[in-house]
Protein backbone atom coordinates (compact mmCIF):
# COMPACT_ATOMS: atom_id res chain seq x y z
CA ALA A 1 -28.94 49.85 20.75
CA PRO A 2 -27.35 46.71 20.16
CA ARG A 3 -24.09 46.74 18.72
CA VAL A 4 -23.84 45.36 15.09
CA PRO A 5 -20.76 44.26 13.56
CA LEU A 6 -19.35 45.77 10.66
CA LEU A 7 -18.81 42.33 8.87
CA MET A 8 -22.89 41.66 9.02
CA ALA A 9 -23.81 44.52 7.72
CA PHE A 10 -21.52 45.00 4.98
CA ALA A 11 -20.80 41.30 4.05
CA ASP A 12 -21.03 40.61 0.44
CA PRO A 13 -21.02 36.93 -0.72
CA ASP A 14 -18.98 37.31 -3.88
CA VAL A 15 -15.86 38.42 -0.93
CA GLU A 16 -17.04 36.04 1.71
CA PRO A 17 -19.60 33.43 2.21
CA ALA A 18 -22.11 33.71 4.19
CA LEU A 19 -22.16 32.09 7.88
CA PHE A 20 -26.00 31.93 7.91
CA ALA A 21 -27.96 29.32 5.66
CA ASP A 22 -30.36 32.12 4.81
CA GLY A 23 -27.33 34.46 3.68
CA VAL A 24 -26.78 38.14 5.47
CA PRO A 25 -29.01 38.67 7.71
CA THR A 26 -30.56 42.05 7.31
CA THR A 27 -31.24 42.49 11.29
CA PRO A 28 -29.11 41.27 14.09
CA PRO A 29 -29.33 37.31 14.38
CA PRO A 30 -31.18 36.49 17.54
CA LEU A 31 -29.53 35.46 20.65
CA ASP A 32 -28.70 31.73 20.32
CA ALA A 33 -27.94 32.36 16.76
CA ARG A 34 -25.09 34.52 17.91
CA VAL A 35 -24.12 32.28 20.72
CA ALA A 36 -24.04 29.19 18.32
CA LEU A 37 -21.84 31.36 16.11
CA ALA A 38 -19.48 32.41 18.90
CA ALA A 39 -19.06 28.49 19.96
CA ALA A 40 -18.38 27.79 16.40
CA GLN A 41 -15.50 30.34 16.58
CA GLN A 42 -14.18 28.72 19.72
CA ILE A 43 -14.05 25.70 17.66
CA VAL A 44 -12.24 26.90 14.45
CA TYR A 45 -9.93 29.18 15.96
CA ALA A 46 -9.11 26.89 18.92
CA LYS A 47 -5.20 26.02 19.18
CA SER A 48 -4.54 22.50 20.27
CA ASP A 49 -3.52 23.41 23.89
CA ALA A 50 -5.81 26.64 24.29
CA ARG A 51 -8.79 24.55 26.02
CA ARG A 52 -9.61 21.75 28.06
CA PRO A 53 -11.15 19.10 26.38
CA HIS A 54 -14.81 19.93 27.87
CA ASP A 55 -14.78 23.32 26.76
CA LEU A 56 -14.41 22.34 23.74
CA ALA A 57 -17.15 19.29 23.53
CA LEU A 58 -19.49 21.98 25.48
CA PHE A 59 -19.08 24.56 22.29
CA HIS A 60 -19.69 21.98 19.83
CA ARG A 61 -22.90 21.08 21.93
CA ILE A 62 -23.82 24.40 21.68
CA PHE A 63 -23.04 25.27 17.96
CA ARG A 64 -24.99 21.86 17.01
CA ALA A 65 -28.13 22.46 18.56
CA ARG A 66 -28.81 25.78 16.20
CA ALA A 67 -26.33 24.36 13.52
CA GLU A 68 -29.36 24.87 10.62
CA LEU A 69 -29.32 28.19 11.14
CA PHE A 70 -25.87 28.22 9.42
CA ALA A 71 -24.15 28.08 6.07
CA PRO A 72 -23.62 24.36 5.04
CA TRP A 73 -19.72 24.89 4.67
CA LEU A 74 -19.72 26.62 8.09
CA ARG A 75 -21.13 23.00 9.40
CA ALA A 76 -18.80 21.15 7.79
CA LYS A 77 -15.80 23.35 8.71
CA VAL A 78 -16.96 23.57 12.47
CA SER A 79 -17.48 19.45 12.34
CA GLU A 80 -13.74 19.18 11.03
CA ARG A 81 -12.17 21.11 13.09
CA PHE A 82 -13.89 19.47 16.27
CA GLN A 83 -12.99 15.98 15.02
CA TRP A 84 -9.18 17.24 14.47
CA MET A 85 -9.03 18.35 17.80
CA GLU A 86 -10.27 15.46 19.31
CA PHE A 87 -8.11 13.63 17.54
CA VAL A 88 -4.84 15.74 18.67
CA ARG A 89 -6.65 15.12 22.34
CA LYS A 90 -6.53 11.46 22.28
CA ARG A 91 -3.20 10.86 20.86
CA GLY A 92 -1.78 13.44 23.66
CA GLY A 93 -0.71 16.65 21.92
């Protein structure tokens, strides 16, 4: 049986906003959605020196390919963080 994270099972929109555009999924999300979410998390939680530039660009392309599956707030957060990381990289930081 596939593993289902407790966060998905017990997510309450009053406590934490839903990551997916359709709210909290009642079944495990499809593989492409899980891969896109993992890519988004790599961007959001990256440290400025933790990833090579092409890694972040790849994660961003993966997330963007399935961005419509995610809540607008998460799409904005990923975009803003990616832009910030690109700015830092270009400044040499």
